[in-house]
PDB file of N, CA and C in Angstrom:
ATOM      1  N   MET A   1      89.249 100.665  92.729  1.00  0.00           N
ATOM      2  CA  MET A   1      88.045 101.192  93.349  1.00  0.00           C
ATOM      3  C   MET A   1      87.818 100.466  94.671  1.00  0.00           C
ATOM      4  N   PRO A   2      87.219 101.137  95.628  1.00  0.00           N
ATOM      5  CA  PRO A   2      86.920 100.480  96.901  1.00  0.00           C
ATOM      6  C   PRO A   2      85.965  99.300  96.714  1.00  0.00           C
ATOM      7  N   ARG A   3      86.047  98.350  97.604  1.00  0.00           N
ATOM      8  CA  ARG A   3      85.246  97.126  97.558  1.00  0.00           C
ATOM      9  C   ARG A   3      83.759  97.420  97.443  1.00  0.00           C
ATOM     10  N   ASP A   4      83.268  98.429  98.164  1.00  0.00           N
ATOM     11  CA  ASP A   4      81.833  98.729  98.165  1.00  0.00           C
ATOM     12  C   ASP A   4      81.286  98.981  96.766  1.00  0.00           C
ATOM     13  N   TYR A   5      82.095  99.578  95.888  1.00  0.00           N
ATOM     14  CA  TYR A   5      81.625  99.858  94.531  1.00  0.00           C
ATOM     15  C   TYR A   5      81.335  98.575  93.752  1.00  0.00           C
ATOM     16  N   TYR A   6      81.970  97.506  94.141  1.00  0.00           N
ATOM     17  CA  TYR A   6      81.772  96.236  93.448  1.00  0.00           C
ATOM     18  C   TYR A   6      80.648  95.401  94.042  1.00  0.00           C
ATOM     19  N   VAL A   7      80.352  95.589  95.317  1.00  0.00           N
ATOM     20  CA  VAL A   7      79.429  94.665  95.976  1.00  0.00           C
ATOM     21  C   VAL A   7      78.077  95.267  96.352  1.00  0.00           C
ATOM     22  N   LEU A   8      77.976  96.575  96.457  1.00  0.00           N
ATOM     23  CA  LEU A   8      76.704  97.184  96.851  1.00  0.00           C
ATOM     24  C   LEU A   8      75.842  97.463  95.622  1.00  0.00           C
ATOM     25  N   PRO A   9      74.553  97.151  95.703  1.00  0.00           N
ATOM     26  CA  PRO A   9      73.685  97.254  94.526  1.00  0.00           C
ATOM     27  C   PRO A   9      73.547  98.669  93.965  1.00  0.00           C
ATOM     28  N   GLN A  10      73.701  99.691  94.781  1.00  0.00           N
ATOM     29  CA  GLN A  10      73.524 101.049  94.273  1.00  0.00           C
ATOM     30  C   GLN A  10      74.638 101.468  93.310  1.00  0.00           C
ATOM     31  N   PHE A  11      75.681 100.662  93.201  1.00  0.00           N
ATOM     32  CA  PHE A  11      76.786 100.990  92.303  1.00  0.00           C
ATOM     33  C   PHE A  11      76.780 100.143  91.025  1.00  0.00           C
ATOM     34  N   THR A  12      75.690  99.455  90.745  1.00  0.00           N
ATOM     35  CA  THR A  12      75.610  98.589  89.571  1.00  0.00           C
ATOM     36  C   THR A  12      75.874  99.358  88.286  1.00  0.00           C
ATOM     37  N   LYS A  13      75.282 100.532  88.148  1.00  0.00           N
ATOM     38  CA  LYS A  13      75.482 101.340  86.932  1.00  0.00           C
ATOM     39  C   LYS A  13      76.950 101.745  86.793  1.00  0.00           C
ATOM     40  N   MET A  14      77.588 102.038  87.912  1.00  0.00           N
ATOM     41  CA  MET A  14      79.000 102.415  87.872  1.00  0.00           C
ATOM     42  C   MET A  14      79.851 101.243  87.381  1.00  0.00           C
ATOM     43  N   LEU A  15      79.496 100.035  87.791  1.00  0.00           N
ATOM     44  CA  LEU A  15      80.231  98.851  87.324  1.00  0.00           C
ATOM     45  C   LEU A  15      80.028  98.630  85.833  1.00  0.00           C
ATOM     46  N   GLU A  16      78.814  98.866  85.365  1.00  0.00           N
ATOM     47  CA  GLU A  16      78.552  98.741  83.928  1.00  0.00           C
ATOM     48  C   GLU A  16      79.375  99.768  83.155  1.00  0.00           C
ATOM     49  N   PHE A  17      79.458 100.985  83.690  1.00  0.00           N
ATOM     50  CA  PHE A  17      80.267 102.025  83.066  1.00  0.00           C
ATOM     51  C   PHE A  17      81.740 101.622  83.071  1.00  0.00           C
ATOM     52  N   ARG A  18      82.206 101.043  84.162  1.00  0.00           N
ATOM     53  CA  ARG A  18      83.602 100.596  84.250  1.00  0.00           C
ATOM     54  C   ARG A  18      83.886  99.516  83.207  1.00  0.00           C
ATOM     55  N   ALA A  19      82.975  98.576  83.054  1.00  0.00           N
ATOM     56  CA  ALA A  19      83.156  97.529  82.044  1.00  0.00           C
ATOM     57  C   ALA A  19      83.229  98.144  80.649  1.00  0.00           C
ATOM     58  N   ALA A  20      82.392  99.144  80.387  1.00  0.00           N
ATOM     59  CA  ALA A  20      82.413  99.824  79.088  1.00  0.00           C
ATOM     60  C   ALA A  20      83.736 100.573  78.891  1.00  0.00           C
ATOM     61  N   MET A  21      84.256 101.161  79.961  1.00  0.00           N
ATOM     62  CA  MET A  21      85.547 101.858  79.859  1.00  0.00           C
ATOM     63  C   MET A  21      86.681 100.876  79.566  1.00  0.00           C
ATOM     64  N   ILE A  22      86.663  99.743  80.227  1.00  0.00           N
ATOM     65  CA  ILE A  22      87.685  98.720  79.975  1.00  0.00           C
ATOM     66  C   ILE A  22      87.613  98.285  78.519  1.00  0.00           C
ATOM     67  N   GLN A  23      86.401  98.079  78.041  1.00  0.00           N
ATOM     68  CA  GLN A  23      86.212  97.675  76.648  1.00  0.00           C
ATOM     69  C   GLN A  23      86.749  98.746  75.702  1.00  0.00           C
ATOM     70  N   SER A  24      86.459 100.006  75.961  1.00  0.00           N
ATOM     71  CA  SER A  24      86.935 101.070  75.065  1.00  0.00           C
ATOM     72  C   SER A  24      88.463 101.167  75.087  1.00  0.00           C
ATOM     73  N   ILE A  25      89.074 100.929  76.238  1.00  0.00           N
ATOM     74  CA  ILE A  25      90.540 100.934  76.318  1.00  0.00           C
ATOM     75  C   ILE A  25      91.112  99.778  75.504  1.00  0.00           C
ATOM     76  N   PHE A  26      90.514  98.605  75.621  1.00  0.00           N
ATOM     77  CA  PHE A  26      90.974  97.447  74.845  1.00  0.00           C
ATOM     78  C   PHE A  26      90.835  97.707  73.347  1.00  0.00           C
ATOM     79  N   ILE A  27      89.722  98.294  72.939  1.00  0.00           N
ATOM     80  CA  ILE A  27      89.496  98.581  71.518  1.00  0.00           C
ATOM     81  C   ILE A  27      90.501  99.622  71.031  1.00  0.00           C
ATOM     82  N   ALA A  28      90.744 100.655  71.834  1.00  0.00           N
ATOM     83  CA  ALA A  28      91.723 101.678  71.450  1.00  0.00           C
ATOM     84  C   ALA A  28      93.113 101.060  71.302  1.00  0.00           C
ATOM     85  N   PHE A  29      93.480 100.184  72.225  1.00  0.00           N
ATOM     86  CA  PHE A  29      94.777  99.520  72.140  1.00  0.00           C
ATOM     87  C   PHE A  29      94.853  98.648  70.887  1.00  0.00           C
ATOM     88  N   ALA A  30      93.797  97.881  70.640  1.00  0.00           N
ATOM     89  CA  ALA A  30      93.782  97.016  69.455  1.00  0.00           C
ATOM     90  C   ALA A  30      93.903  97.845  68.182  1.00  0.00           C
ATOM     91  N   SER A  31      93.286  99.013  68.166  1.00  0.00           N
ATOM     92  CA  SER A  31      93.365  99.891  66.992  1.00  0.00           C
ATOM     93  C   SER A  31      94.786 100.404  66.775  1.00  0.00           C
ATOM     94  N   LEU A  32      95.528 100.551  67.854  1.00  0.00           N
ATOM     95  CA  LEU A  32      96.907 101.024  67.737  1.00  0.00           C
ATOM     96  C   LEU A  32      97.858  99.940  67.245  1.00  0.00           C
ATOM     97  N   VAL A  33      97.617  98.709  67.624  1.00  0.00           N
ATOM     98  CA  VAL A  33      98.566  97.639  67.294  1.00  0.00           C
ATOM     99  C   VAL A  33      98.141  96.773  66.112  1.00  0.00           C
ATOM    100  N   LEU A  34      96.900  96.908  65.682  1.00  0.00           N
ATOM    101  CA  LEU A  34      96.408  96.109  64.557  1.00  0.00           C
ATOM    102  C   LEU A  34      95.950  97.023  63.425  1.00  0.00           C
ATOM    103  N   ASP A  35      96.166  96.582  62.205  1.00  0.00           N
ATOM    104  CA  ASP A  35      95.664  97.355  61.067  1.00  0.00           C
ATOM    105  C   ASP A  35      94.144  97.386  61.076  1.00  0.00           C
ATOM    106  N   ASP A  36      93.543  96.225  61.372  1.00  0.00           N
ATOM    107  CA  ASP A  36      92.079  96.140  61.413  1.00  0.00           C
ATOM    108  C   ASP A  36      91.666  95.263  62.598  1.00  0.00           C
ATOM    109  N   PRO A  37      91.243  95.881  63.702  1.00  0.00           N
ATOM    110  CA  PRO A  37      90.858  95.092  64.875  1.00  0.00           C
ATOM    111  C   PRO A  37      89.453  94.493  64.786  1.00  0.00           C
ATOM    112  N   THR A  38      88.733  94.779  63.713  1.00  0.00           N
ATOM    113  CA  THR A  38      87.345  94.329  63.581  1.00  0.00           C
ATOM    114  C   THR A  38      87.172  92.824  63.781  1.00  0.00           C
ATOM    115  N   PRO A  39      88.030  91.970  63.201  1.00  0.00           N
ATOM    116  CA  PRO A  39      87.836  90.524  63.396  1.00  0.00           C
ATOM    117  C   PRO A  39      87.969  90.084  64.861  1.00  0.00           C
ATOM    118  N   PHE A  40      88.594  90.912  65.663  1.00  0.00           N
ATOM    119  CA  PHE A  40      88.841  90.558  67.060  1.00  0.00           C
ATOM    120  C   PHE A  40      87.855  91.219  68.019  1.00  0.00           C
ATOM    121  N   TYR A  41      86.895  91.936  67.467  1.00  0.00           N
ATOM    122  CA  TYR A  41      85.983  92.722  68.304  1.00  0.00           C
ATOM    123  C   TYR A  41      85.260  91.856  69.340  1.00  0.00           C
ATOM    124  N   ASP A  42      84.724  90.707  68.921  1.00  0.00           N
ATOM    125  CA  ASP A  42      84.006  89.840  69.871  1.00  0.00           C
ATOM    126  C   ASP A  42      84.921  89.376  71.007  1.00  0.00           C
ATOM    127  N   GLY A  43      86.146  89.030  70.671  1.00  0.00           N
ATOM    128  CA  GLY A  43      87.101  88.614  71.693  1.00  0.00           C
ATOM    129  C   GLY A  43      87.472  89.751  72.628  1.00  0.00           C
ATOM    130  N   ILE A  44      87.572  90.953  72.076  1.00  0.00           N
ATOM    131  CA  ILE A  44      87.886  92.130  72.893  1.00  0.00           C
ATOM    132  C   ILE A  44      86.755  92.398  73.874  1.00  0.00           C
ATOM    133  N   VAL A  45      85.529  92.335  73.396  1.00  0.00           N
ATOM    134  CA  VAL A  45      84.362  92.557  74.258  1.00  0.00           C
ATOM    135  C   VAL A  45      84.328  91.509  75.365  1.00  0.00           C
ATOM    136  N   LYS A  46      84.547  90.255  74.991  1.00  0.00           N
ATOM    137  CA  LYS A  46      84.534  89.171  75.982  1.00  0.00           C
ATOM    138  C   LYS A  46      85.652  89.362  77.012  1.00  0.00           C
ATOM    139  N   ALA A  47      86.838  89.735  76.550  1.00  0.00           N
ATOM    140  CA  ALA A  47      87.962  89.948  77.469  1.00  0.00           C
ATOM    141  C   ALA A  47      87.669  91.090  78.436  1.00  0.00           C
ATOM    142  N   ALA A  48      87.071  92.155  77.953  1.00  0.00           N
ATOM    143  CA  ALA A  48      86.727  93.290  78.818  1.00  0.00           C
ATOM    144  C   ALA A  48      85.706  92.870  79.873  1.00  0.00           C
ATOM    145  N   GLN A  49      84.729  92.080  79.473  1.00  0.00           N
ATOM    146  CA  GLN A  49      83.731  91.589  80.432  1.00  0.00           C
ATOM    147  C   GLN A  49      84.386  90.683  81.475  1.00  0.00           C
ATOM    148  N   GLU A  50      85.318  89.859  81.043  1.00  0.00           N
ATOM    149  CA  GLU A  50      86.011  88.963  81.975  1.00  0.00           C
ATOM    150  C   GLU A  50      86.871  89.747  82.968  1.00  0.00           C
ATOM    151  N   VAL A  51      87.514  90.812  82.514  1.00  0.00           N
ATOM    152  CA  VAL A  51      88.314  91.645  83.421  1.00  0.00           C
ATOM    153  C   VAL A  51      87.411  92.284  84.465  1.00  0.00           C
ATOM    154  N   ALA A  52      86.288  92.848  84.013  1.00  0.00           N
ATOM    155  CA  ALA A  52      85.351  93.487  84.943  1.00  0.00           C
ATOM    156  C   ALA A  52      84.802  92.464  85.941  1.00  0.00           C
ATOM    157  N   GLN A  53      84.494  91.271  85.473  1.00  0.00           N
ATOM    158  CA  GLN A  53      83.984  90.228  86.369  1.00  0.00           C
ATOM    159  C   GLN A  53      85.066  89.764  87.341  1.00  0.00           C
ATOM    160  N   PHE A  54      86.292  89.669  86.859  1.00  0.00           N
ATOM    161  CA  PHE A  54      87.409  89.272  87.724  1.00  0.00           C
ATOM    162  C   PHE A  54      87.604  90.287  88.849  1.00  0.00           C
ATOM    163  N   GLU A  55      87.529  91.572  88.519  1.00  0.00           N
ATOM    164  CA  GLU A  55      87.640  92.607  89.550  1.00  0.00           C
ATOM    165  C   GLU A  55      86.534  92.443  90.587  1.00  0.00           C
ATOM    166  N   ARG A  56      85.329  92.168  90.128  1.00  0.00           N
ATOM    167  CA  ARG A  56      84.203  91.986  91.050  1.00  0.00           C
ATOM    168  C   ARG A  56      84.407  90.736  91.912  1.00  0.00           C
ATOM    169  N   ASP A  57      84.881  89.673  91.309  1.00  0.00           N
ATOM    170  CA  ASP A  57      85.142  88.439  92.062  1.00  0.00           C
ATOM    171  C   ASP A  57      86.179  88.672  93.167  1.00  0.00           C
ATOM    172  N   ILE A  58      87.214  89.436  92.850  1.00  0.00           N
ATOM    173  CA  ILE A  58      88.223  89.756  93.866  1.00  0.00           C
ATOM    174  C   ILE A  58      87.585  90.542  95.002  1.00  0.00           C
ATOM    175  N   ALA A  59      86.759  91.518  94.653  1.00  0.00           N
ATOM    176  CA  ALA A  59      86.090  92.328  95.683  1.00  0.00           C
ATOM    177  C   ALA A  59      85.171  91.465  96.545  1.00  0.00           C
ATOM    178  N   MET A  60      84.451  90.551  95.928  1.00  0.00           N
ATOM    179  CA  MET A  60      83.536  89.691  96.683  1.00  0.00           C
ATOM    180  C   MET A  60      84.306  88.770  97.635  1.00  0.00           C
ATOM    181  N   ALA A  61      85.505  88.379  97.239  1.00  0.00           N
ATOM    182  CA  ALA A  61      86.305  87.490  98.082  1.00  0.00           C
ATOM    183  C   ALA A  61      87.061  88.249  99.170  1.00  0.00           C
ATOM    184  N   SER A  62      87.102  89.556  99.058  1.00  0.00           N
ATOM    185  CA  SER A  62      87.831  90.382 100.030  1.00  0.00           C
ATOM    186  C   SER A  62      86.956  90.730 101.221  1.00  0.00           C
ATOM    187  N   TRP A  63      87.606  91.021 102.315  1.00  0.00           N
ATOM    188  CA  TRP A  63      86.887  91.450 103.512  1.00  0.00           C
ATOM    189  C   TRP A  63      86.459  92.904 103.374  1.00  0.00           C
ATOM    190  N   PRO A  64      85.321  93.264 103.964  1.00  0.00           N
ATOM    191  CA  PRO A  64      84.936  94.680 104.025  1.00  0.00           C
ATOM    192  C   PRO A  64      85.953  95.465 104.865  1.00  0.00           C
ATOM    193  N   ASP A  65      86.019  96.775 104.637  1.00  0.00           N
ATOM    194  CA  ASP A  65      86.979  97.618 105.360  1.00  0.00           C
ATOM    195  C   ASP A  65      86.822  97.513 106.869  1.00  0.00           C
ATOM    196  N   THR A  66      85.591  97.400 107.337  1.00  0.00           N
ATOM    197  CA  THR A  66      85.374  97.317 108.786  1.00  0.00           C
ATOM    198  C   THR A  66      86.058  96.087 109.368  1.00  0.00           C
ATOM    199  N   GLU A  67      86.010  94.977 108.659  1.00  0.00           N
ATOM    200  CA  GLU A  67      86.680  93.765 109.134  1.00  0.00           C
ATOM    201  C   GLU A  67      88.192  93.862 108.959  1.00  0.00           C
ATOM    202  N   MET A  68      88.641  94.522 107.891  1.00  0.00           N
ATOM    203  CA  MET A  68      90.081  94.680 107.676  1.00  0.00           C
ATOM    204  C   MET A  68      90.718  95.529 108.773  1.00  0.00           C
ATOM    205  N   ARG A  69      89.961  96.451 109.338  1.00  0.00           N
ATOM    206  CA  ARG A  69      90.494  97.304 110.410  1.00  0.00           C
ATOM    207  C   ARG A  69      90.508  96.598 111.764  1.00  0.00           C
ATOM    208  N   ASP A  70      89.794  95.486 111.880  1.00  0.00           N
ATOM    209  CA  ASP A  70      89.739  94.752 113.145  1.00  0.00           C
ATOM    210  C   ASP A  70      90.842  93.691 113.145  1.00  0.00           C
ATOM    211  N   TYR A  71      91.982  94.060 113.702  1.00  0.00           N
ATOM    212  CA  TYR A  71      93.135  93.167 113.669  1.00  0.00           C
ATOM    213  C   TYR A  71      92.916  91.878 114.446  1.00  0.00           C
ATOM    214  N   SER A  72      91.988  91.900 115.384  1.00  0.00           N
ATOM    215  CA  SER A  72      91.736  90.673 116.143  1.00  0.00           C
ATOM    216  C   SER A  72      91.168  89.579 115.243  1.00  0.00           C
ATOM    217  N   LEU A  73      90.478  89.967 114.157  1.00  0.00           N
ATOM    218  CA  LEU A  73      89.953  88.976 113.219  1.00  0.00           C
ATOM    219  C   LEU A  73      91.058  88.375 112.355  1.00  0.00           C
ATOM    220  N   GLN A  74      92.150  89.097 112.223  1.00  0.00           N
ATOM    221  CA  GLN A  74      93.247  88.641 111.379  1.00  0.00           C
ATOM    222  C   GLN A  74      94.314  87.881 112.164  1.00  0.00           C
ATOM    223  N   TYR A  75      94.199  87.884 113.466  1.00  0.00           N
ATOM    224  CA  TYR A  75      95.196  87.244 114.314  1.00  0.00           C
ATOM    225  C   TYR A  75      94.724  85.837 114.646  1.00  0.00           C
ATOM    226  N   ASN A  76      95.345  84.865 114.043  1.00  0.00           N
ATOM    227  CA  ASN A  76      94.930  83.473 114.187  1.00  0.00           C
ATOM    228  C   ASN A  76      96.077  82.666 114.775  1.00  0.00           C
ATOM    229  N   THR A  77      95.952  82.324 116.035  1.00  0.00           N
ATOM    230  CA  THR A  77      97.023  81.551 116.659  1.00  0.00           C
ATOM    231  C   THR A  77      96.808  80.060 116.418  1.00  0.00           C
ATOM    232  N   PHE A  78      97.904  79.387 116.171  1.00  0.00           N
ATOM    233  CA  PHE A  78      97.905  77.944 115.982  1.00  0.00           C
ATOM    234  C   PHE A  78      99.058  77.374 116.784  1.00  0.00           C
ATOM    235  N   THR A  79      98.851  76.204 117.333  1.00  0.00           N
ATOM    236  CA  THR A  79      99.987  75.485 117.895  1.00  0.00           C
ATOM    237  C   THR A  79     100.721  74.841 116.730  1.00  0.00           C
ATOM    238  N   LEU A  80     101.956  74.510 116.957  1.00  0.00           N
ATOM    239  CA  LEU A  80     102.724  73.845 115.915  1.00  0.00           C
ATOM    240  C   LEU A  80     102.057  72.527 115.525  1.00  0.00           C
ATOM    241  N   HIS A  81     101.515  71.828 116.503  1.00  0.00           N
ATOM    242  CA  HIS A  81     100.806  70.576 116.230  1.00  0.00           C
ATOM    243  C   HIS A  81      99.599  70.829 115.315  1.00  0.00           C
ATOM    244  N   GLN A  82      98.848  71.902 115.570  1.00  0.00           N
ATOM    245  CA  GLN A  82      97.695  72.223 114.717  1.00  0.00           C
ATOM    246  C   GLN A  82      98.138  72.499 113.284  1.00  0.00           C
ATOM    247  N   LEU A  83      99.209  73.279 113.123  1.00  0.00           N
ATOM    248  CA  LEU A  83      99.710  73.567 111.782  1.00  0.00           C
ATOM    249  C   LEU A  83     100.142  72.297 111.064  1.00  0.00           C
ATOM    250  N   GLU A  84     100.838  71.433 111.766  1.00  0.00           N
ATOM    251  CA  GLU A  84     101.275  70.172 111.167  1.00  0.00           C
ATOM    252  C   GLU A  84     100.084  69.305 110.768  1.00  0.00           C
ATOM    253  N   THR A  85      99.010  69.367 111.542  1.00  0.00           N
ATOM    254  CA  THR A  85      97.813  68.578 111.246  1.00  0.00           C
ATOM    255  C   THR A  85      97.045  69.162 110.061  1.00  0.00           C
ATOM    256  N   ILE A  86      96.883  70.481 110.044  1.00  0.00           N
ATOM    257  CA  ILE A  86      96.102  71.138 108.991  1.00  0.00           C
ATOM    258  C   ILE A  86      96.854  71.158 107.663  1.00  0.00           C
ATOM    259  N   TYR A  87      98.160  71.425 107.717  1.00  0.00           N
ATOM    260  CA  TYR A  87      98.978  71.559 106.505  1.00  0.00           C
ATOM    261  C   TYR A  87     100.180  70.620 106.566  1.00  0.00           C
ATOM    262  N   PRO A  88      99.950  69.316 106.517  1.00  0.00           N
ATOM    263  CA  PRO A  88     101.063  68.376 106.681  1.00  0.00           C
ATOM    264  C   PRO A  88     102.107  68.468 105.563  1.00  0.00           C
ATOM    265  N   GLU A  89     101.695  68.891 104.384  1.00  0.00           N
ATOM    266  CA  GLU A  89     102.621  68.948 103.255  1.00  0.00           C
ATOM    267  C   GLU A  89     103.663  70.058 103.393  1.00  0.00           C
ATOM    268  N   VAL A  90     103.433  71.035 104.263  1.00  0.00           N
ATOM    269  CA  VAL A  90     104.371  72.149 104.429  1.00  0.00           C
ATOM    270  C   VAL A  90     105.584  71.743 105.258  1.00  0.00           C
ATOM    271  N   GLY A  91     105.385  70.927 106.247  1.00  0.00           N
ATOM    272  CA  GLY A  91     106.483  70.548 107.135  1.00  0.00           C
ATOM    273  C   GLY A  91     106.892  71.712 108.026  1.00  0.00           C
ATOM    274  N   PHE A  92     105.948  72.217 108.800  1.00  0.00           N
ATOM    275  CA  PHE A  92     106.181  73.402 109.618  1.00  0.00           C
ATOM    276  C   PHE A  92     107.289  73.219 110.644  1.00  0.00           C
ATOM    277  N   GLN A  93     107.411  72.040 111.203  1.00  0.00           N
ATOM    278  CA  GLN A  93     108.456  71.808 112.207  1.00  0.00           C
ATOM    279  C   GLN A  93     109.821  72.110 111.609  1.00  0.00           C
ATOM    280  N   THR A  94     110.108  71.535 110.461  1.00  0.00           N
ATOM    281  CA  THR A  94     111.388  71.766 109.792  1.00  0.00           C
ATOM    282  C   THR A  94     111.519  73.215 109.353  1.00  0.00           C
ATOM    283  N   TYR A  95     110.446  73.753 108.806  1.00  0.00           N
ATOM    284  CA  TYR A  95     110.455  75.147 108.349  1.00  0.00           C
ATOM    285  C   TYR A  95     110.798  76.097 109.493  1.00  0.00           C
ATOM    286  N   ILE A  96     110.134  75.940 110.622  1.00  0.00           N
ATOM    287  CA  ILE A  96     110.360  76.829 111.765  1.00  0.00           C
ATOM    288  C   ILE A  96     111.755  76.629 112.346  1.00  0.00           C
ATOM    289  N   GLU A  97     112.195  75.390 112.409  1.00  0.00           N
ATOM    290  CA  GLU A  97     113.546  75.136 112.917  1.00  0.00           C
ATOM    291  C   GLU A  97     114.591  75.839 112.055  1.00  0.00           C
ATOM    292  N   ASN A  98     114.433  75.761 110.732  1.00  0.00           N
ATOM    293  CA  ASN A  98     115.378  76.427 109.832  1.00  0.00           C
ATOM    294  C   ASN A  98     115.236  77.943 109.894  1.00  0.00           C
ATOM    295  N   LEU A  99     114.022  78.414 109.952  1.00  0.00           N
ATOM    296  CA  LEU A  99     113.761  79.850 109.990  1.00  0.00           C
ATOM    297  C   LEU A  99     114.344  80.497 111.238  1.00  0.00           C
ATOM    298  N   LEU A 100     114.206  79.809 112.351  1.00  0.00           N
ATOM    299  CA  LEU A 100     114.622  80.373 113.635  1.00  0.00           C
ATOM    300  C   LEU A 100     115.891  79.729 114.183  1.00  0.00           C
ATOM    301  N   SER A 101     116.700  79.164 113.311  1.00  0.00           N
ATOM    302  CA  SER A 101     117.868  78.410 113.777  1.00  0.00           C
ATOM    303  C   SER A 101     118.829  79.247 114.612  1.00  0.00           C
ATOM    304  N   GLY A 102     118.935  80.533 114.362  1.00  0.00           N
ATOM    305  CA  GLY A 102     119.852  81.355 115.129  1.00  0.00           C
ATOM    306  C   GLY A 102     119.178  82.197 116.190  1.00  0.00           C
ATOM    307  N   VAL A 103     117.918  81.893 116.494  1.00  0.00           N
ATOM    308  CA  VAL A 103     117.147  82.722 117.416  1.00  0.00           C
ATOM    309  C   VAL A 103     116.724  81.898 118.620  1.00  0.00           C
ATOM    310  N   ASP A 104     116.864  82.490 119.803  1.00  0.00           N
ATOM    311  CA  ASP A 104     116.339  81.850 121.008  1.00  0.00           C
ATOM    312  C   ASP A 104     114.822  81.962 120.931  1.00  0.00           C
ATOM    313  N   ARG A 105     114.118  80.845 120.961  1.00  0.00           N
ATOM    314  CA  ARG A 105     112.685  80.903 120.661  1.00  0.00           C
ATOM    315  C   ARG A 105     111.864  79.962 121.530  1.00  0.00           C
ATOM    316  N   ASP A 106     110.550  80.244 121.523  1.00  0.00           N
ATOM    317  CA  ASP A 106     109.551  79.347 122.106  1.00  0.00           C
ATOM    318  C   ASP A 106     108.656  78.962 120.938  1.00  0.00           C
ATOM    319  N   ALA A 107     108.880  77.793 120.343  1.00  0.00           N
ATOM    320  CA  ALA A 107     108.155  77.396 119.137  1.00  0.00           C
ATOM    321  C   ALA A 107     106.819  76.749 119.447  1.00  0.00           C
ATOM    322  N   SER A 108     106.241  77.059 120.596  1.00  0.00           N
ATOM    323  CA  SER A 108     104.971  76.428 120.948  1.00  0.00           C
ATOM    324  C   SER A 108     103.781  77.107 120.279  1.00  0.00           C
ATOM    325  N   TRP A 109     103.986  78.282 119.654  1.00  0.00           N
ATOM    326  CA  TRP A 109     102.878  78.945 118.971  1.00  0.00           C
ATOM    327  C   TRP A 109     103.419  79.760 117.808  1.00  0.00           C
ATOM    328  N   ILE A 110     102.526  80.037 116.848  1.00  0.00           N
ATOM    329  CA  ILE A 110     102.855  80.880 115.701  1.00  0.00           C
ATOM    330  C   ILE A 110     101.563  81.536 115.231  1.00  0.00           C
ATOM    331  N   ALA A 111     101.627  82.731 114.696  1.00  0.00           N
ATOM    332  CA  ALA A 111     100.441  83.438 114.196  1.00  0.00           C
ATOM    333  C   ALA A 111     100.520  83.517 112.683  1.00  0.00           C
ATOM    334  N   ILE A 112      99.411  83.207 112.035  1.00  0.00           N
ATOM    335  CA  ILE A 112      99.329  83.281 110.581  1.00  0.00           C
ATOM    336  C   ILE A 112      98.161  84.174 110.226  1.00  0.00           C
ATOM    337  N   ARG A 113      98.388  85.086 109.304  1.00  0.00           N
ATOM    338  CA  ARG A 113      97.328  85.994 108.866  1.00  0.00           C
ATOM    339  C   ARG A 113      96.536  85.335 107.758  1.00  0.00           C
ATOM    340  N   LYS A 114      95.199  85.488 107.823  1.00  0.00           N
ATOM    341  CA  LYS A 114      94.338  84.925 106.780  1.00  0.00           C
ATOM    342  C   LYS A 114      94.581  85.613 105.472  1.00  0.00           C
TER     343      LYS A 114
END
């Protein structure tokens, strides 16, 4: 579902319906693979709620479509020195040298997408 369905208040009922659908799918699956899924009902309900919440958490952490379409927001230039300072454990100098070993290059800048 699009991000807006998870984050805008007018879609709250739709999210509740989605959680109920996930729960019914889990119960139907449990009924197919177990002789008696009744002892697991509480766990199934909890798992369905966690899946629905996880989907919402992903949506909340994602950018809105308007920002995703603005490529200038996703273009983040760093100098090699900045990368080495921010992420010293990666070893960007060595990584870039190996990556571009057969390419004529200017390693003074690199772009990383958020």
